[in-house]
Amino acid sequence: MKQMGRKHRHFFRIVAIDHHQPRDGRVLEELGTYDPHMKDKENRVTLVPARIEYWMSVGAKASERVQVFLKKYMDKFRQPAGEAKTS
């Protein structure tokens, strides 16, 4: 998770990052966001399940906090098979 925002109002980007890079360094891809200050608890976390599954399949490891988000929210963001993505 990459920390963003300003003092007393942080939010986080869930990212794929090379393990040699620092936490807030150059990222390979943004995979979602987490805003702990958002009042609507349902929209605090956003994820891109297809890309998360791709990075996990090529050996990426999720941090402990991101693992919690994946368990809790991953099904919410998955599209049912057969449904086309709408823009």
PDB file of N, CA and C in Angstrom:
ATOM      1  N   MET A   1       0.849  -1.172   0.000  1.00  0.00           N
ATOM      2  CA  MET A   1       0.000   0.000   0.000  1.00  0.00           C
ATOM      3  C   MET A   1       0.893   1.233   0.000  1.00  0.00           C
ATOM      4  N   LYS A   2       0.599   2.130  -0.889  1.00  0.00           N
ATOM      5  CA  LYS A   2       1.355   3.364  -1.031  1.00  0.00           C
ATOM      6  C   LYS A   2       0.577   4.482  -0.349  1.00  0.00           C
ATOM      7  N   GLN A   3       1.201   5.142   0.605  1.00  0.00           N
ATOM      8  CA  GLN A   3       0.528   6.197   1.360  1.00  0.00           C
ATOM      9  C   GLN A   3       0.511   7.487   0.556  1.00  0.00           C
ATOM     10  N   MET A   4      -0.661   8.122   0.493  1.00  0.00           N
ATOM     11  CA  MET A   4      -0.842   9.370  -0.238  1.00  0.00           C
ATOM     12  C   MET A   4      -1.603  10.342   0.671  1.00  0.00           C
ATOM     13  N   GLY A   5      -1.903  11.527   0.161  1.00  0.00           N
ATOM     14  CA  GLY A   5      -2.724  12.482   0.897  1.00  0.00           C
ATOM     15  C   GLY A   5      -1.905  13.552   1.584  1.00  0.00           C
ATOM     16  N   ARG A   6      -2.516  14.159   2.588  1.00  0.00           N
ATOM     17  CA  ARG A   6      -1.853  15.234   3.324  1.00  0.00           C
ATOM     18  C   ARG A   6      -1.869  14.905   4.812  1.00  0.00           C
ATOM     19  N   LYS A   7      -1.320  15.773   5.593  1.00  0.00           N
ATOM     20  CA  LYS A   7      -1.255  15.564   7.035  1.00  0.00           C
ATOM     21  C   LYS A   7      -2.659  15.407   7.617  1.00  0.00           C
ATOM     22  N   HIS A   8      -2.858  14.394   8.430  1.00  0.00           N
ATOM     23  CA  HIS A   8      -4.132  14.081   9.087  1.00  0.00           C
ATOM     24  C   HIS A   8      -5.239  13.681   8.107  1.00  0.00           C
ATOM     25  N   ARG A   9      -4.921  13.430   6.846  1.00  0.00           N
ATOM     26  CA  ARG A   9      -5.938  13.024   5.861  1.00  0.00           C
ATOM     27  C   ARG A   9      -5.310  12.081   4.833  1.00  0.00           C
ATOM     28  N   HIS A  10      -4.754  10.980   5.319  1.00  0.00           N
ATOM     29  CA  HIS A  10      -4.086  10.027   4.447  1.00  0.00           C
ATOM     30  C   HIS A  10      -5.089   9.127   3.739  1.00  0.00           C
ATOM     31  N   PHE A  11      -4.714   8.672   2.575  1.00  0.00           N
ATOM     32  CA  PHE A  11      -5.403   7.580   1.905  1.00  0.00           C
ATOM     33  C   PHE A  11      -4.319   6.726   1.274  1.00  0.00           C
ATOM     34  N   PHE A  12      -4.694   5.558   0.805  1.00  0.00           N
ATOM     35  CA  PHE A  12      -3.701   4.609   0.337  1.00  0.00           C
ATOM     36  C   PHE A  12      -4.070   4.081  -1.035  1.00  0.00           C
ATOM     37  N   ARG A  13      -3.058   3.824  -1.838  1.00  0.00           N
ATOM     38  CA  ARG A  13      -3.239   3.146  -3.114  1.00  0.00           C
ATOM     39  C   ARG A  13      -2.708   1.731  -2.946  1.00  0.00           C
ATOM     40  N   ILE A  14      -3.497   0.778  -3.371  1.00  0.00           N
ATOM     41  CA  ILE A  14      -3.071  -0.616  -3.350  1.00  0.00           C
ATOM     42  C   ILE A  14      -2.356  -0.838  -4.674  1.00  0.00           C
ATOM     43  N   VAL A  15      -1.062  -1.181  -4.613  1.00  0.00           N
ATOM     44  CA  VAL A  15      -0.229  -1.202  -5.812  1.00  0.00           C
ATOM     45  C   VAL A  15       0.582  -2.486  -5.913  1.00  0.00           C
ATOM     46  N   ALA A  16       0.997  -2.796  -7.146  1.00  0.00           N
ATOM     47  CA  ALA A  16       2.001  -3.828  -7.391  1.00  0.00           C
ATOM     48  C   ALA A  16       3.329  -3.092  -7.472  1.00  0.00           C
ATOM     49  N   ILE A  17       4.301  -3.538  -6.684  1.00  0.00           N
ATOM     50  CA  ILE A  17       5.579  -2.839  -6.603  1.00  0.00           C
ATOM     51  C   ILE A  17       6.706  -3.856  -6.531  1.00  0.00           C
ATOM     52  N   ASP A  18       7.830  -3.544  -7.143  1.00  0.00           N
ATOM     53  CA  ASP A  18       9.005  -4.408  -7.073  1.00  0.00           C
ATOM     54  C   ASP A  18       9.523  -4.395  -5.637  1.00  0.00           C
ATOM     55  N   HIS A  19       9.911  -5.549  -5.124  1.00  0.00           N
ATOM     56  CA  HIS A  19      10.309  -5.622  -3.717  1.00  0.00           C
ATOM     57  C   HIS A  19      11.588  -4.843  -3.422  1.00  0.00           C
ATOM     58  N   HIS A  20      12.319  -4.413  -4.447  1.00  0.00           N
ATOM     59  CA  HIS A  20      13.523  -3.612  -4.231  1.00  0.00           C
ATOM     60  C   HIS A  20      13.195  -2.127  -4.061  1.00  0.00           C
ATOM     61  N   GLN A  21      11.983  -1.731  -4.402  1.00  0.00           N
ATOM     62  CA  GLN A  21      11.572  -0.330  -4.310  1.00  0.00           C
ATOM     63  C   GLN A  21      11.072  -0.008  -2.902  1.00  0.00           C
ATOM     64  N   PRO A  22      11.228   1.246  -2.455  1.00  0.00           N
ATOM     65  CA  PRO A  22      10.654   1.638  -1.159  1.00  0.00           C
ATOM     66  C   PRO A  22       9.127   1.650  -1.224  1.00  0.00           C
ATOM     67  N   ARG A  23       8.492   1.690  -0.060  1.00  0.00           N
ATOM     68  CA  ARG A  23       7.028   1.625   0.017  1.00  0.00           C
ATOM     69  C   ARG A  23       6.351   2.656  -0.879  1.00  0.00           C
ATOM     70  N   ASP A  24       6.839   3.871  -0.894  1.00  0.00           N
ATOM     71  CA  ASP A  24       6.223   4.932  -1.688  1.00  0.00           C
ATOM     72  C   ASP A  24       6.987   5.188  -2.985  1.00  0.00           C
ATOM     73  N   GLY A  25       7.755   4.200  -3.445  1.00  0.00           N
ATOM     74  CA  GLY A  25       8.550   4.341  -4.658  1.00  0.00           C
ATOM     75  C   GLY A  25       7.757   4.080  -5.921  1.00  0.00           C
ATOM     76  N   ARG A  26       8.490   3.817  -7.004  1.00  0.00           N
ATOM     77  CA  ARG A  26       7.886   3.593  -8.314  1.00  0.00           C
ATOM     78  C   ARG A  26       7.064   2.310  -8.299  1.00  0.00           C
ATOM     79  N   VAL A  27       5.862   2.395  -8.830  1.00  0.00           N
ATOM     80  CA  VAL A  27       4.959   1.239  -8.824  1.00  0.00           C
ATOM     81  C   VAL A  27       4.871   0.628 -10.216  1.00  0.00           C
ATOM     82  N   LEU A  28       4.536  -0.657 -10.266  1.00  0.00           N
ATOM     83  CA  LEU A  28       4.328  -1.341 -11.537  1.00  0.00           C
ATOM     84  C   LEU A  28       2.907  -1.110 -12.039  1.00  0.00           C
ATOM     85  N   GLU A  29       1.942  -1.143 -11.102  1.00  0.00           N
ATOM     86  CA  GLU A  29       0.543  -0.946 -11.483  1.00  0.00           C
ATOM     87  C   GLU A  29      -0.290  -0.636 -10.244  1.00  0.00           C
ATOM     88  N   GLU A  30      -1.265   0.260 -10.403  1.00  0.00           N
ATOM     89  CA  GLU A  30      -2.203   0.556  -9.322  1.00  0.00           C
ATOM     90  C   GLU A  30      -3.356  -0.439  -9.393  1.00  0.00           C
ATOM     91  N   LEU A  31      -3.651  -1.084  -8.248  1.00  0.00           N
ATOM     92  CA  LEU A  31      -4.645  -2.154  -8.213  1.00  0.00           C
ATOM     93  C   LEU A  31      -5.894  -1.795  -7.421  1.00  0.00           C
ATOM     94  N   GLY A  32      -5.903  -0.646  -6.781  1.00  0.00           N
ATOM     95  CA  GLY A  32      -7.067  -0.240  -6.004  1.00  0.00           C
ATOM     96  C   GLY A  32      -6.716   0.888  -5.055  1.00  0.00           C
ATOM     97  N   THR A  33      -7.689   1.266  -4.221  1.00  0.00           N
ATOM     98  CA  THR A  33      -7.480   2.333  -3.247  1.00  0.00           C
ATOM     99  C   THR A  33      -8.136   1.973  -1.923  1.00  0.00           C
ATOM    100  N   TYR A  34      -7.683   2.645  -0.863  1.00  0.00           N
ATOM    101  CA  TYR A  34      -8.290   2.520   0.462  1.00  0.00           C
ATOM    102  C   TYR A  34      -8.287   3.902   1.091  1.00  0.00           C
ATOM    103  N   ASP A  35      -9.477   4.403   1.436  1.00  0.00           N
ATOM    104  CA  ASP A  35      -9.611   5.709   2.076  1.00  0.00           C
ATOM    105  C   ASP A  35     -10.280   5.519   3.432  1.00  0.00           C
ATOM    106  N   PRO A  36      -9.492   5.477   4.524  1.00  0.00           N
ATOM    107  CA  PRO A  36     -10.064   5.211   5.842  1.00  0.00           C
ATOM    108  C   PRO A  36     -10.958   6.326   6.362  1.00  0.00           C
ATOM    109  N   HIS A  37     -10.916   7.505   5.763  1.00  0.00           N
ATOM    110  CA  HIS A  37     -11.704   8.639   6.248  1.00  0.00           C
ATOM    111  C   HIS A  37     -13.061   8.760   5.566  1.00  0.00           C
ATOM    112  N   MET A  38     -13.321   7.955   4.562  1.00  0.00           N
ATOM    113  CA  MET A  38     -14.589   8.030   3.839  1.00  0.00           C
ATOM    114  C   MET A  38     -15.732   7.588   4.753  1.00  0.00           C
ATOM    115  N   LYS A  39     -16.786   8.363   4.807  1.00  0.00           N
ATOM    116  CA  LYS A  39     -17.914   8.059   5.693  1.00  0.00           C
ATOM    117  C   LYS A  39     -18.691   6.826   5.226  1.00  0.00           C
ATOM    118  N   ASP A  40     -18.826   6.646   3.931  1.00  0.00           N
ATOM    119  CA  ASP A  40     -19.530   5.491   3.379  1.00  0.00           C
ATOM    120  C   ASP A  40     -18.604   4.274   3.434  1.00  0.00           C
ATOM    121  N   LYS A  41     -18.830   3.401   4.402  1.00  0.00           N
ATOM    122  CA  LYS A  41     -17.938   2.266   4.623  1.00  0.00           C
ATOM    123  C   LYS A  41     -17.885   1.319   3.431  1.00  0.00           C
ATOM    124  N   GLU A  42     -18.958   1.244   2.651  1.00  0.00           N
ATOM    125  CA  GLU A  42     -18.989   0.348   1.496  1.00  0.00           C
ATOM    126  C   GLU A  42     -18.006   0.776   0.411  1.00  0.00           C
ATOM    127  N   ASN A  43     -17.715   2.071   0.324  1.00  0.00           N
ATOM    128  CA  ASN A  43     -16.854   2.573  -0.745  1.00  0.00           C
ATOM    129  C   ASN A  43     -15.446   2.926  -0.279  1.00  0.00           C
ATOM    130  N   ARG A  44     -15.058   2.514   0.905  1.00  0.00           N
ATOM    131  CA  ARG A  44     -13.710   2.807   1.396  1.00  0.00           C
ATOM    132  C   ARG A  44     -12.635   2.106   0.583  1.00  0.00           C
ATOM    133  N   VAL A  45     -12.954   0.927   0.098  1.00  0.00           N
ATOM    134  CA  VAL A  45     -11.979   0.128  -0.644  1.00  0.00           C
ATOM    135  C   VAL A  45     -12.466  -0.064  -2.072  1.00  0.00           C
ATOM    136  N   THR A  46     -11.574   0.163  -3.043  1.00  0.00           N
ATOM    137  CA  THR A  46     -11.856  -0.183  -4.432  1.00  0.00           C
ATOM    138  C   THR A  46     -10.749  -1.117  -4.896  1.00  0.00           C
ATOM    139  N   LEU A  47     -11.111  -2.117  -5.688  1.00  0.00           N
ATOM    140  CA  LEU A  47     -10.145  -3.106  -6.168  1.00  0.00           C
ATOM    141  C   LEU A  47     -10.368  -3.380  -7.648  1.00  0.00           C
ATOM    142  N   VAL A  48      -9.310  -3.852  -8.313  1.00  0.00           N
ATOM    143  CA  VAL A  48      -9.392  -4.311  -9.700  1.00  0.00           C
ATOM    144  C   VAL A  48      -9.050  -5.803  -9.679  1.00  0.00           C
ATOM    145  N   PRO A  49     -10.066  -6.665  -9.496  1.00  0.00           N
ATOM    146  CA  PRO A  49      -9.819  -8.093  -9.263  1.00  0.00           C
ATOM    147  C   PRO A  49      -9.033  -8.803 -10.357  1.00  0.00           C
ATOM    148  N   ALA A  50      -9.283  -8.482 -11.617  1.00  0.00           N
ATOM    149  CA  ALA A  50      -8.583  -9.178 -12.699  1.00  0.00           C
ATOM    150  C   ALA A  50      -7.078  -8.945 -12.614  1.00  0.00           C
ATOM    151  N   ARG A  51      -6.688  -7.720 -12.341  1.00  0.00           N
ATOM    152  CA  ARG A  51      -5.256  -7.405 -12.265  1.00  0.00           C
ATOM    153  C   ARG A  51      -4.638  -7.955 -10.981  1.00  0.00           C
ATOM    154  N   ILE A  52      -5.387  -7.955  -9.895  1.00  0.00           N
ATOM    155  CA  ILE A  52      -4.882  -8.531  -8.647  1.00  0.00           C
ATOM    156  C   ILE A  52      -4.628 -10.020  -8.845  1.00  0.00           C
ATOM    157  N   GLU A  53      -5.568 -10.712  -9.483  1.00  0.00           N
ATOM    158  CA  GLU A  53      -5.391 -12.142  -9.743  1.00  0.00           C
ATOM    159  C   GLU A  53      -4.192 -12.389 -10.651  1.00  0.00           C
ATOM    160  N   TYR A  54      -3.979 -11.510 -11.634  1.00  0.00           N
ATOM    161  CA  TYR A  54      -2.822 -11.658 -12.515  1.00  0.00           C
ATOM    162  C   TYR A  54      -1.525 -11.553 -11.716  1.00  0.00           C
ATOM    163  N   TRP A  55      -1.393 -10.491 -10.924  1.00  0.00           N
ATOM    164  CA  TRP A  55      -0.144 -10.288 -10.185  1.00  0.00           C
ATOM    165  C   TRP A  55       0.097 -11.401  -9.172  1.00  0.00           C
ATOM    166  N   MET A  56      -0.965 -11.898  -8.549  1.00  0.00           N
ATOM    167  CA  MET A  56      -0.803 -13.011  -7.611  1.00  0.00           C
ATOM    168  C   MET A  56      -0.356 -14.270  -8.362  1.00  0.00           C
ATOM    169  N   SER A  57      -0.834 -14.453  -9.593  1.00  0.00           N
ATOM    170  CA  SER A  57      -0.479 -15.648 -10.370  1.00  0.00           C
ATOM    171  C   SER A  57       0.981 -15.634 -10.819  1.00  0.00           C
ATOM    172  N   VAL A  58       1.580 -14.452 -10.925  1.00  0.00           N
ATOM    173  CA  VAL A  58       2.985 -14.378 -11.336  1.00  0.00           C
ATOM    174  C   VAL A  58       3.920 -14.228 -10.140  1.00  0.00           C
ATOM    175  N   GLY A  59       3.392 -14.448  -8.932  1.00  0.00           N
ATOM    176  CA  GLY A  59       4.252 -14.517  -7.757  1.00  0.00           C
ATOM    177  C   GLY A  59       4.214 -13.339  -6.807  1.00  0.00           C
ATOM    178  N   ALA A  60       3.338 -12.382  -7.024  1.00  0.00           N
ATOM    179  CA  ALA A  60       3.249 -11.246  -6.102  1.00  0.00           C
ATOM    180  C   ALA A  60       2.697 -11.717  -4.759  1.00  0.00           C
ATOM    181  N   LYS A  61       3.146 -11.069  -3.695  1.00  0.00           N
ATOM    182  CA  LYS A  61       2.664 -11.391  -2.353  1.00  0.00           C
ATOM    183  C   LYS A  61       1.985 -10.157  -1.773  1.00  0.00           C
ATOM    184  N   ALA A  62       0.814 -10.352  -1.225  1.00  0.00           N
ATOM    185  CA  ALA A  62       0.070  -9.240  -0.623  1.00  0.00           C
ATOM    186  C   ALA A  62       0.551  -9.021   0.807  1.00  0.00           C
ATOM    187  N   SER A  63       0.565  -7.753   1.233  1.00  0.00           N
ATOM    188  CA  SER A  63       0.887  -7.451   2.624  1.00  0.00           C
ATOM    189  C   SER A  63      -0.248  -7.958   3.508  1.00  0.00           C
ATOM    190  N   GLU A  64      -0.016  -7.996   4.807  1.00  0.00           N
ATOM    191  CA  GLU A  64      -1.043  -8.493   5.729  1.00  0.00           C
ATOM    192  C   GLU A  64      -2.327  -7.678   5.612  1.00  0.00           C
ATOM    193  N   ARG A  65      -2.204  -6.368   5.539  1.00  0.00           N
ATOM    194  CA  ARG A  65      -3.368  -5.493   5.472  1.00  0.00           C
ATOM    195  C   ARG A  65      -4.131  -5.698   4.163  1.00  0.00           C
ATOM    196  N   VAL A  66      -3.403  -5.828   3.075  1.00  0.00           N
ATOM    197  CA  VAL A  66      -4.048  -6.037   1.780  1.00  0.00           C
ATOM    198  C   VAL A  66      -4.731  -7.402   1.746  1.00  0.00           C
ATOM    199  N   GLN A  67      -4.161  -8.405   2.381  1.00  0.00           N
ATOM    200  CA  GLN A  67      -4.803  -9.720   2.452  1.00  0.00           C
ATOM    201  C   GLN A  67      -6.167  -9.622   3.128  1.00  0.00           C
ATOM    202  N   VAL A  68      -6.266  -8.802   4.169  1.00  0.00           N
ATOM    203  CA  VAL A  68      -7.548  -8.598   4.851  1.00  0.00           C
ATOM    204  C   VAL A  68      -8.559  -7.980   3.881  1.00  0.00           C
ATOM    205  N   PHE A  69      -8.140  -6.963   3.124  1.00  0.00           N
ATOM    206  CA  PHE A  69      -9.031  -6.328   2.149  1.00  0.00           C
ATOM    207  C   PHE A  69      -9.471  -7.322   1.082  1.00  0.00           C
ATOM    208  N   LEU A  70      -8.552  -8.145   0.615  1.00  0.00           N
ATOM    209  CA  LEU A  70      -8.888  -9.109  -0.430  1.00  0.00           C
ATOM    210  C   LEU A  70      -9.920 -10.111   0.061  1.00  0.00           C
ATOM    211  N   LYS A  71      -9.756 -10.604   1.269  1.00  0.00           N
ATOM    212  CA  LYS A  71     -10.720 -11.558   1.818  1.00  0.00           C
ATOM    213  C   LYS A  71     -12.094 -10.915   1.986  1.00  0.00           C
ATOM    214  N   LYS A  72     -12.099  -9.665   2.437  1.00  0.00           N
ATOM    215  CA  LYS A  72     -13.351  -8.995   2.771  1.00  0.00           C
ATOM    216  C   LYS A  72     -14.085  -8.446   1.543  1.00  0.00           C
ATOM    217  N   TYR A  73     -13.353  -7.915   0.567  1.00  0.00           N
ATOM    218  CA  TYR A  73     -13.980  -7.148  -0.513  1.00  0.00           C
ATOM    219  C   TYR A  73     -13.848  -7.737  -1.913  1.00  0.00           C
ATOM    220  N   MET A  74     -13.033  -8.749  -2.127  1.00  0.00           N
ATOM    221  CA  MET A  74     -12.758  -9.220  -3.485  1.00  0.00           C
ATOM    222  C   MET A  74     -14.028  -9.663  -4.214  1.00  0.00           C
ATOM    223  N   ASP A  75     -14.917 -10.381  -3.562  1.00  0.00           N
ATOM    224  CA  ASP A  75     -16.141 -10.851  -4.218  1.00  0.00           C
ATOM    225  C   ASP A  75     -17.040  -9.699  -4.648  1.00  0.00           C
ATOM    226  N   LYS A  76     -17.014  -8.608  -3.912  1.00  0.00           N
ATOM    227  CA  LYS A  76     -17.848  -7.446  -4.232  1.00  0.00           C
ATOM    228  C   LYS A  76     -17.473  -6.849  -5.591  1.00  0.00           C
ATOM    229  N   PHE A  77     -16.194  -6.914  -5.958  1.00  0.00           N
ATOM    230  CA  PHE A  77     -15.723  -6.262  -7.179  1.00  0.00           C
ATOM    231  C   PHE A  77     -15.630  -7.198  -8.376  1.00  0.00           C
ATOM    232  N   ARG A  78     -15.793  -8.483  -8.171  1.00  0.00           N
ATOM    233  CA  ARG A  78     -15.741  -9.434  -9.290  1.00  0.00           C
ATOM    234  C   ARG A  78     -17.004  -9.319 -10.124  1.00  0.00           C
ATOM    235  N   GLN A  79     -16.845  -9.416 -11.440  1.00  0.00           N
ATOM    236  CA  GLN A  79     -18.000  -9.440 -12.339  1.00  0.00           C
ATOM    237  C   GLN A  79     -18.413 -10.882 -12.548  1.00  0.00           C
ATOM    238  N   PRO A  80     -19.697 -11.159 -12.539  1.00  0.00           N
ATOM    239  CA  PRO A  80     -20.139 -12.517 -12.844  1.00  0.00           C
ATOM    240  C   PRO A  80     -19.694 -12.924 -14.250  1.00  0.00           C
ATOM    241  N   ALA A  81     -19.350 -14.186 -14.425  1.00  0.00           N
ATOM    242  CA  ALA A  81     -18.911 -14.678 -15.730  1.00  0.00           C
ATOM    243  C   ALA A  81     -20.023 -14.477 -16.756  1.00  0.00           C
ATOM    244  N   GLY A  82     -19.637 -14.036 -17.940  1.00  0.00           N
ATOM    245  CA  GLY A  82     -20.619 -13.838 -18.998  1.00  0.00           C
ATOM    246  C   GLY A  82     -21.131 -12.417 -19.107  1.00  0.00           C
ATOM    247  N   GLU A  83     -20.933 -11.607 -18.076  1.00  0.00           N
ATOM    248  CA  GLU A  83     -21.371 -10.213 -18.146  1.00  0.00           C
ATOM    249  C   GLU A  83     -20.272  -9.375 -18.760  1.00  0.00           C
ATOM    250  N   ALA A  84     -20.622  -8.560 -19.720  1.00  0.00           N
ATOM    251  CA  ALA A  84     -19.651  -7.686 -20.364  1.00  0.00           C
ATOM    252  C   ALA A  84     -19.405  -6.474 -19.484  1.00  0.00           C
ATOM    253  N   LYS A  85     -18.186  -5.975 -19.539  1.00  0.00           N
ATOM    254  CA  LYS A  85     -17.844  -4.781 -18.777  1.00  0.00           C
ATOM    255  C   LYS A  85     -18.452  -3.570 -19.470  1.00  0.00           C
ATOM    256  N   THR A  86     -19.140  -2.721 -18.702  1.00  0.00           N
ATOM    257  CA  THR A  86     -19.746  -1.516 -19.268  1.00  0.00           C
ATOM    258  C   THR A  86     -18.951  -0.305 -18.839  1.00  0.00           C
ATOM    259  N   SER A  87     -18.831   0.668 -19.734  1.00  0.00           N
ATOM    260  CA  SER A  87     -18.066   1.871 -19.426  1.00  0.00           C
ATOM    261  C   SER A  87     -18.983   2.995 -19.057  1.00  0.00           C
TER     262      SER A  87
END
